[in-house]
Amino acid sequence: MGGIELFFVTGPKSLYALLGGQIEPGGLPSGQVVIRYGSTGTNLYTEALASDYEVVRSGLPEEYLESVVAGIRTGLDEMAGKLRGRLTIHVAAYSDIGSCRAIFEHAAAVLVRLLICPELFEKDDQLKSLIQLPT
């Protein structure tokens, strides 16, 4: 079980995404992915990294679903298909201003790498390179 919360301030604009999930090993179809999505827009997430700067809400709006799927594919490709079990994404948060498809795709790819190979995130220099936004 793990999660990733990304908050980047890029000049006057910011980018924000939070995703959490787990890999359930054993007995389950290997390689299956389950993503829980939807948001009423009413549940505020006040403990978010971005909450001092903008409104953050819990849930994953449907508009970001395809981006999360694309990010999961990217992460699985980078991990050479090492997923053993079912990957479930069951926690998410987004901001009204700073969230976009690109940041959710990136967050999903990082989350997959974290869940499959957590030792990649043990050193600060590795962590910075893994969460760095693509240019």
N, C-alpha and C. Protein backbone atom coordinates (compact mmCIF):
# COMPACT_ATOMS: atom_id res chain seq x y z
N MET A 1 0.84 -1.17 0.00
CA MET A 1 0.00 0.00 0.00
C MET A 1 0.88 1.23 0.00
N GLY A 2 0.52 2.22 -0.79
CA GLY A 2 1.32 3.43 -0.85
C GLY A 2 0.57 4.54 -1.56
N GLY A 3 1.16 5.70 -1.55
CA GLY A 3 0.53 6.83 -2.21
C GLY A 3 1.57 7.86 -2.61
N ILE A 4 1.15 8.74 -3.49
CA ILE A 4 2.02 9.82 -3.95
C ILE A 4 1.18 11.10 -4.04
N GLU A 5 1.72 12.16 -3.45
CA GLU A 5 1.08 13.46 -3.54
C GLU A 5 2.09 14.39 -4.19
N LEU A 6 1.74 14.91 -5.34
CA LEU A 6 2.64 15.79 -6.08
C LEU A 6 2.08 17.20 -6.08
N PHE A 7 2.93 18.15 -5.72
CA PHE A 7 2.55 19.56 -5.75
C PHE A 7 3.75 20.34 -6.23
N PHE A 8 3.66 20.86 -7.42
CA PHE A 8 4.73 21.64 -8.03
C PHE A 8 4.24 23.07 -8.25
N VAL A 9 5.05 24.02 -7.83
CA VAL A 9 4.76 25.43 -8.12
C VAL A 9 5.68 25.82 -9.27
N THR A 10 5.07 26.20 -10.38
CA THR A 10 5.83 26.54 -11.59
C THR A 10 5.52 27.98 -11.95
N GLY A 11 6.14 28.89 -11.24
CA GLY A 11 5.86 30.31 -11.45
C GLY A 11 4.49 30.64 -10.88
N PRO A 12 3.65 31.32 -11.65
CA PRO A 12 2.34 31.70 -11.13
C PRO A 12 1.33 30.54 -11.11
N LYS A 13 1.70 29.42 -11.68
CA LYS A 13 0.81 28.27 -11.77
C LYS A 13 1.32 27.14 -10.89
N SER A 14 0.41 26.28 -10.47
CA SER A 14 0.81 25.10 -9.72
C SER A 14 0.19 23.86 -10.35
N LEU A 15 0.76 22.70 -10.01
CA LEU A 15 0.25 21.41 -10.46
C LEU A 15 0.03 20.54 -9.24
N TYR A 16 -1.10 19.83 -9.18
CA TYR A 16 -1.41 19.03 -8.00
C TYR A 16 -2.12 17.74 -8.38
N ALA A 17 -1.70 16.64 -7.73
CA ALA A 17 -2.40 15.35 -7.85
C ALA A 17 -2.03 14.48 -6.66
N LEU A 18 -2.98 13.70 -6.20
CA LEU A 18 -2.74 12.71 -5.17
C LEU A 18 -3.40 11.41 -5.60
N LEU A 19 -2.64 10.33 -5.54
CA LEU A 19 -3.16 8.99 -5.84
C LEU A 19 -2.61 8.01 -4.82
N GLY A 20 -3.43 7.06 -4.41
CA GLY A 20 -2.99 6.02 -3.50
C GLY A 20 -3.60 4.69 -3.88
N GLY A 21 -2.88 3.63 -3.58
CA GLY A 21 -3.39 2.32 -3.93
C GLY A 21 -2.55 1.21 -3.36
N GLN A 22 -2.78 0.02 -3.89
CA GLN A 22 -2.05 -1.15 -3.40
C GLN A 22 -2.05 -2.24 -4.46
N ILE A 23 -1.11 -3.13 -4.28
CA ILE A 23 -1.06 -4.34 -5.10
C ILE A 23 -1.48 -5.49 -4.20
N GLU A 24 -2.51 -6.21 -4.62
CA GLU A 24 -3.01 -7.35 -3.86
C GLU A 24 -2.48 -8.62 -4.51
N PRO A 25 -1.49 -9.25 -3.89
CA PRO A 25 -0.89 -10.45 -4.49
C PRO A 25 -1.72 -11.70 -4.24
N GLY A 26 -1.33 -12.75 -4.90
CA GLY A 26 -1.91 -14.06 -4.67
C GLY A 26 -3.31 -14.22 -5.24
N GLY A 27 -3.72 -15.39 -5.57
CA GLY A 27 -5.03 -15.80 -5.98
C GLY A 27 -5.81 -14.92 -6.94
N LEU A 28 -5.39 -13.71 -7.14
CA LEU A 28 -6.12 -12.79 -8.01
C LEU A 28 -5.53 -12.83 -9.41
N PRO A 29 -6.30 -12.45 -10.41
CA PRO A 29 -5.74 -12.39 -11.75
C PRO A 29 -4.57 -11.40 -11.80
N SER A 30 -3.40 -11.88 -12.14
CA SER A 30 -2.22 -11.03 -12.20
C SER A 30 -2.36 -10.04 -13.35
N GLY A 31 -2.00 -8.79 -13.07
CA GLY A 31 -2.07 -7.77 -14.10
C GLY A 31 -3.39 -7.04 -14.16
N GLN A 32 -4.36 -7.40 -13.34
CA GLN A 32 -5.63 -6.71 -13.33
C GLN A 32 -5.47 -5.36 -12.64
N VAL A 33 -6.15 -4.33 -13.17
CA VAL A 33 -6.09 -2.99 -12.60
C VAL A 33 -7.51 -2.53 -12.31
N VAL A 34 -7.72 -2.03 -11.10
CA VAL A 34 -9.01 -1.49 -10.68
C VAL A 34 -8.79 -0.05 -10.25
N ILE A 35 -9.57 0.87 -10.80
CA ILE A 35 -9.45 2.29 -10.44
C ILE A 35 -10.81 2.75 -9.95
N ARG A 36 -10.86 3.21 -8.71
CA ARG A 36 -12.10 3.77 -8.17
C ARG A 36 -12.09 5.26 -8.49
N TYR A 37 -13.12 5.71 -9.15
CA TYR A 37 -13.15 7.12 -9.54
C TYR A 37 -14.52 7.70 -9.25
N GLY A 38 -14.58 9.01 -9.34
CA GLY A 38 -15.80 9.75 -9.08
C GLY A 38 -15.55 10.75 -7.97
N SER A 39 -16.28 11.82 -8.01
CA SER A 39 -16.16 12.85 -6.99
C SER A 39 -17.43 13.67 -6.97
N THR A 40 -17.90 13.95 -5.79
CA THR A 40 -19.06 14.83 -5.66
C THR A 40 -18.62 16.29 -5.68
N GLY A 41 -17.33 16.51 -5.46
CA GLY A 41 -16.81 17.88 -5.42
C GLY A 41 -17.04 18.57 -4.09
N THR A 42 -17.69 17.87 -3.15
CA THR A 42 -18.01 18.51 -1.87
C THR A 42 -17.05 18.15 -0.75
N ASN A 43 -16.29 17.07 -0.90
CA ASN A 43 -15.39 16.63 0.16
C ASN A 43 -14.04 17.33 0.04
N LEU A 44 -13.80 18.32 0.90
CA LEU A 44 -12.54 19.03 0.88
C LEU A 44 -11.46 18.21 1.57
N TYR A 45 -10.25 18.28 1.05
CA TYR A 45 -9.09 17.62 1.64
C TYR A 45 -8.19 18.73 2.16
N THR A 46 -8.35 19.08 3.42
CA THR A 46 -7.67 20.25 3.99
C THR A 46 -6.23 19.98 4.40
N GLU A 47 -5.81 18.72 4.41
CA GLU A 47 -4.43 18.39 4.80
C GLU A 47 -3.50 18.24 3.60
N ALA A 48 -3.97 18.58 2.42
CA ALA A 48 -3.18 18.46 1.20
C ALA A 48 -2.02 19.45 1.20
N LEU A 49 -0.95 19.07 0.51
CA LEU A 49 0.19 19.98 0.36
C LEU A 49 -0.23 21.31 -0.25
N ALA A 50 -1.21 21.28 -1.13
CA ALA A 50 -1.64 22.48 -1.85
C ALA A 50 -2.75 23.25 -1.15
N SER A 51 -3.24 22.76 -0.02
CA SER A 51 -4.44 23.36 0.59
C SER A 51 -4.25 24.80 1.07
N ASP A 52 -3.01 25.22 1.29
CA ASP A 52 -2.78 26.62 1.66
C ASP A 52 -2.87 27.54 0.45
N TYR A 53 -2.87 26.98 -0.75
CA TYR A 53 -2.83 27.77 -1.97
C TYR A 53 -4.10 27.68 -2.81
N GLU A 54 -4.79 26.56 -2.69
CA GLU A 54 -5.99 26.36 -3.49
C GLU A 54 -6.89 25.31 -2.84
N VAL A 55 -8.10 25.20 -3.36
CA VAL A 55 -9.07 24.23 -2.84
C VAL A 55 -8.74 22.85 -3.38
N VAL A 56 -8.61 21.88 -2.46
CA VAL A 56 -8.33 20.49 -2.85
C VAL A 56 -9.51 19.63 -2.40
N ARG A 57 -9.94 18.76 -3.29
CA ARG A 57 -11.10 17.90 -3.03
C ARG A 57 -10.70 16.44 -3.14
N SER A 58 -11.32 15.59 -2.34
CA SER A 58 -11.03 14.17 -2.42
C SER A 58 -11.84 13.54 -3.54
N GLY A 59 -11.27 12.50 -4.12
CA GLY A 59 -11.92 11.80 -5.22
C GLY A 59 -11.13 11.96 -6.51
N LEU A 60 -11.51 11.17 -7.49
CA LEU A 60 -10.88 11.22 -8.81
C LEU A 60 -11.96 11.50 -9.85
N PRO A 61 -12.04 12.74 -10.36
CA PRO A 61 -13.05 13.04 -11.37
C PRO A 61 -12.84 12.19 -12.63
N GLU A 62 -13.91 11.86 -13.29
CA GLU A 62 -13.85 11.03 -14.49
C GLU A 62 -12.96 11.64 -15.56
N GLU A 63 -12.85 12.96 -15.60
CA GLU A 63 -12.04 13.62 -16.63
C GLU A 63 -10.56 13.24 -16.54
N TYR A 64 -10.10 12.74 -15.38
CA TYR A 64 -8.71 12.34 -15.23
C TYR A 64 -8.50 10.84 -15.36
N LEU A 65 -9.56 10.08 -15.54
CA LEU A 65 -9.47 8.62 -15.57
C LEU A 65 -8.56 8.10 -16.68
N GLU A 66 -8.73 8.59 -17.90
CA GLU A 66 -7.88 8.13 -19.02
C GLU A 66 -6.41 8.46 -18.78
N SER A 67 -6.14 9.58 -18.15
CA SER A 67 -4.76 9.96 -17.85
C SER A 67 -4.15 9.03 -16.81
N VAL A 68 -4.93 8.64 -15.83
CA VAL A 68 -4.43 7.70 -14.83
C VAL A 68 -4.13 6.35 -15.49
N VAL A 69 -5.01 5.90 -16.38
CA VAL A 69 -4.77 4.64 -17.10
C VAL A 69 -3.48 4.74 -17.92
N ALA A 70 -3.29 5.85 -18.61
CA ALA A 70 -2.08 6.04 -19.41
C ALA A 70 -0.84 6.04 -18.52
N GLY A 71 -0.92 6.67 -17.37
CA GLY A 71 0.21 6.68 -16.44
C GLY A 71 0.52 5.30 -15.89
N ILE A 72 -0.53 4.53 -15.62
CA ILE A 72 -0.32 3.15 -15.15
C ILE A 72 0.39 2.34 -16.23
N ARG A 73 -0.03 2.50 -17.47
CA ARG A 73 0.64 1.78 -18.57
C ARG A 73 2.11 2.17 -18.66
N THR A 74 2.38 3.46 -18.56
CA THR A 74 3.77 3.94 -18.61
C THR A 74 4.58 3.33 -17.47
N GLY A 75 4.04 3.37 -16.26
CA GLY A 75 4.74 2.81 -15.11
C GLY A 75 4.98 1.32 -15.26
N LEU A 76 3.99 0.59 -15.76
CA LEU A 76 4.17 -0.85 -15.96
C LEU A 76 5.20 -1.14 -17.03
N ASP A 77 5.20 -0.35 -18.11
CA ASP A 77 6.21 -0.52 -19.15
C ASP A 77 7.61 -0.29 -18.59
N GLU A 78 7.76 0.75 -17.76
CA GLU A 78 9.07 1.05 -17.17
C GLU A 78 9.51 -0.03 -16.19
N MET A 79 8.56 -0.71 -15.58
CA MET A 79 8.88 -1.76 -14.61
C MET A 79 8.89 -3.13 -15.28
N ALA A 80 8.89 -3.16 -16.58
CA ALA A 80 9.01 -4.40 -17.38
C ALA A 80 7.97 -5.44 -16.97
N GLY A 81 6.76 -4.99 -16.73
CA GLY A 81 5.68 -5.92 -16.45
C GLY A 81 5.82 -6.70 -15.16
N LYS A 82 6.41 -6.11 -14.13
CA LYS A 82 6.65 -6.82 -12.88
C LYS A 82 5.42 -6.87 -11.96
N LEU A 83 4.27 -6.44 -12.44
CA LEU A 83 3.07 -6.47 -11.61
C LEU A 83 2.63 -7.90 -11.38
N ARG A 84 2.60 -8.30 -10.12
CA ARG A 84 2.16 -9.63 -9.73
C ARG A 84 0.97 -9.45 -8.79
N GLY A 85 -0.21 -9.64 -9.29
CA GLY A 85 -1.42 -9.42 -8.50
C GLY A 85 -2.28 -8.34 -9.11
N ARG A 86 -3.21 -7.84 -8.33
CA ARG A 86 -4.14 -6.81 -8.81
C ARG A 86 -3.75 -5.46 -8.24
N LEU A 87 -3.64 -4.47 -9.11
CA LEU A 87 -3.36 -3.10 -8.72
C LEU A 87 -4.69 -2.38 -8.54
N THR A 88 -4.89 -1.81 -7.35
CA THR A 88 -6.11 -1.05 -7.08
C THR A 88 -5.73 0.37 -6.71
N ILE A 89 -6.30 1.33 -7.41
CA ILE A 89 -6.17 2.75 -7.07
C ILE A 89 -7.47 3.12 -6.36
N HIS A 90 -7.38 3.45 -5.07
CA HIS A 90 -8.60 3.69 -4.31
C HIS A 90 -8.61 5.00 -3.54
N VAL A 91 -7.56 5.79 -3.66
CA VAL A 91 -7.49 7.09 -3.00
C VAL A 91 -7.05 8.11 -4.03
N ALA A 92 -7.70 9.27 -4.00
CA ALA A 92 -7.31 10.33 -4.93
C ALA A 92 -7.76 11.68 -4.38
N ALA A 93 -7.07 12.72 -4.83
CA ALA A 93 -7.49 14.09 -4.54
C ALA A 93 -7.01 14.96 -5.70
N TYR A 94 -7.73 16.05 -5.91
CA TYR A 94 -7.43 16.96 -7.01
C TYR A 94 -7.72 18.38 -6.55
N SER A 95 -7.13 19.33 -7.24
CA SER A 95 -7.40 20.73 -6.92
C SER A 95 -8.20 21.37 -8.04
N ASP A 96 -8.92 22.39 -7.66
CA ASP A 96 -9.76 23.08 -8.64
C ASP A 96 -8.94 23.75 -9.73
N ILE A 97 -7.76 24.23 -9.38
CA ILE A 97 -6.96 24.99 -10.34
C ILE A 97 -5.75 24.20 -10.85
N GLY A 98 -5.00 23.57 -9.96
CA GLY A 98 -3.71 22.98 -10.32
C GLY A 98 -3.72 21.58 -10.89
N SER A 99 -4.87 20.94 -10.89
CA SER A 99 -4.91 19.58 -11.43
C SER A 99 -5.18 19.61 -12.93
N CYS A 100 -4.57 18.64 -13.61
CA CYS A 100 -4.76 18.51 -15.05
C CYS A 100 -4.46 17.07 -15.44
N ARG A 101 -4.74 16.74 -16.65
CA ARG A 101 -4.51 15.36 -17.11
C ARG A 101 -3.03 14.97 -17.01
N ALA A 102 -2.15 15.89 -17.38
CA ALA A 102 -0.72 15.58 -17.39
C ALA A 102 -0.19 15.24 -16.00
N ILE A 103 -0.60 15.98 -14.97
CA ILE A 103 -0.08 15.71 -13.63
C ILE A 103 -0.64 14.39 -13.09
N PHE A 104 -1.88 14.05 -13.44
CA PHE A 104 -2.42 12.76 -13.00
C PHE A 104 -1.76 11.59 -13.73
N GLU A 105 -1.44 11.77 -14.99
CA GLU A 105 -0.72 10.72 -15.72
C GLU A 105 0.65 10.49 -15.08
N HIS A 106 1.34 11.57 -14.76
CA HIS A 106 2.66 11.48 -14.14
C HIS A 106 2.55 10.83 -12.75
N ALA A 107 1.58 11.25 -11.95
CA ALA A 107 1.40 10.68 -10.62
C ALA A 107 1.13 9.18 -10.68
N ALA A 108 0.32 8.75 -11.64
CA ALA A 108 0.01 7.32 -11.77
C ALA A 108 1.26 6.52 -12.12
N ALA A 109 2.09 7.04 -13.02
CA ALA A 109 3.32 6.34 -13.39
C ALA A 109 4.26 6.23 -12.19
N VAL A 110 4.38 7.31 -11.42
CA VAL A 110 5.23 7.29 -10.23
C VAL A 110 4.68 6.31 -9.20
N LEU A 111 3.36 6.31 -9.00
CA LEU A 111 2.75 5.41 -8.03
C LEU A 111 3.00 3.95 -8.38
N VAL A 112 2.88 3.59 -9.64
CA VAL A 112 3.13 2.21 -10.07
C VAL A 112 4.56 1.80 -9.73
N ARG A 113 5.51 2.68 -10.04
CA ARG A 113 6.91 2.37 -9.71
C ARG A 113 7.11 2.22 -8.21
N LEU A 114 6.46 3.07 -7.43
CA LEU A 114 6.56 3.00 -5.97
C LEU A 114 5.99 1.69 -5.44
N LEU A 115 4.83 1.28 -5.93
CA LEU A 115 4.20 0.07 -5.42
C LEU A 115 4.94 -1.20 -5.84
N ILE A 116 5.47 -1.21 -7.05
CA ILE A 116 6.17 -2.41 -7.54
C ILE A 116 7.58 -2.50 -6.99
N CYS A 117 8.24 -1.38 -6.87
CA CYS A 117 9.66 -1.40 -6.47
C CYS A 117 9.96 -0.27 -5.48
N PRO A 118 9.48 -0.38 -4.23
CA PRO A 118 9.64 0.71 -3.27
C PRO A 118 11.09 1.08 -2.97
N GLU A 119 12.02 0.15 -3.20
CA GLU A 119 13.43 0.48 -2.92
C GLU A 119 13.96 1.57 -3.84
N LEU A 120 13.27 1.84 -4.95
CA LEU A 120 13.68 2.95 -5.83
C LEU A 120 13.55 4.30 -5.13
N PHE A 121 12.75 4.35 -4.08
CA PHE A 121 12.44 5.61 -3.42
C PHE A 121 13.18 5.80 -2.10
N GLU A 122 14.19 4.98 -1.84
CA GLU A 122 14.87 5.02 -0.55
C GLU A 122 15.87 6.16 -0.42
N LYS A 123 16.44 6.62 -1.50
CA LYS A 123 17.45 7.68 -1.44
C LYS A 123 16.88 8.96 -2.03
N ASP A 124 17.23 10.10 -1.42
CA ASP A 124 16.69 11.39 -1.86
C ASP A 124 16.98 11.69 -3.32
N ASP A 125 18.20 11.40 -3.78
CA ASP A 125 18.54 11.71 -5.16
C ASP A 125 17.72 10.85 -6.13
N GLN A 126 17.47 9.59 -5.76
CA GLN A 126 16.62 8.74 -6.60
C GLN A 126 15.19 9.25 -6.60
N LEU A 127 14.72 9.63 -5.43
CA LEU A 127 13.35 10.12 -5.31
C LEU A 127 13.13 11.35 -6.17
N LYS A 128 14.05 12.29 -6.11
CA LYS A 128 13.91 13.51 -6.91
C LYS A 128 13.85 13.20 -8.39
N SER A 129 14.68 12.29 -8.87
CA SER A 129 14.68 11.98 -10.29
C SER A 129 13.41 11.22 -10.69
N LEU A 130 12.84 10.44 -9.79
CA LEU A 130 11.64 9.68 -10.12
C LEU A 130 10.38 10.53 -10.14
N ILE A 131 10.32 11.57 -9.30
CA ILE A 131 9.11 12.39 -9.28
C ILE A 131 9.21 13.64 -10.14
N GLN A 132 10.40 13.92 -10.63
CA GLN A 132 10.61 15.11 -11.46
C GLN A 132 9.67 15.11 -12.65
N LEU A 133 9.12 16.27 -12.93
CA LEU A 133 8.23 16.39 -14.08
C LEU A 133 9.00 16.18 -15.37
N PRO A 134 8.44 15.45 -16.32
CA PRO A 134 9.10 15.32 -17.62
C PRO A 134 9.16 16.67 -18.32
N THR A 135 10.22 16.89 -19.04
CA THR A 135 10.35 18.19 -19.74
C THR A 135 9.90 18.08 -21.18
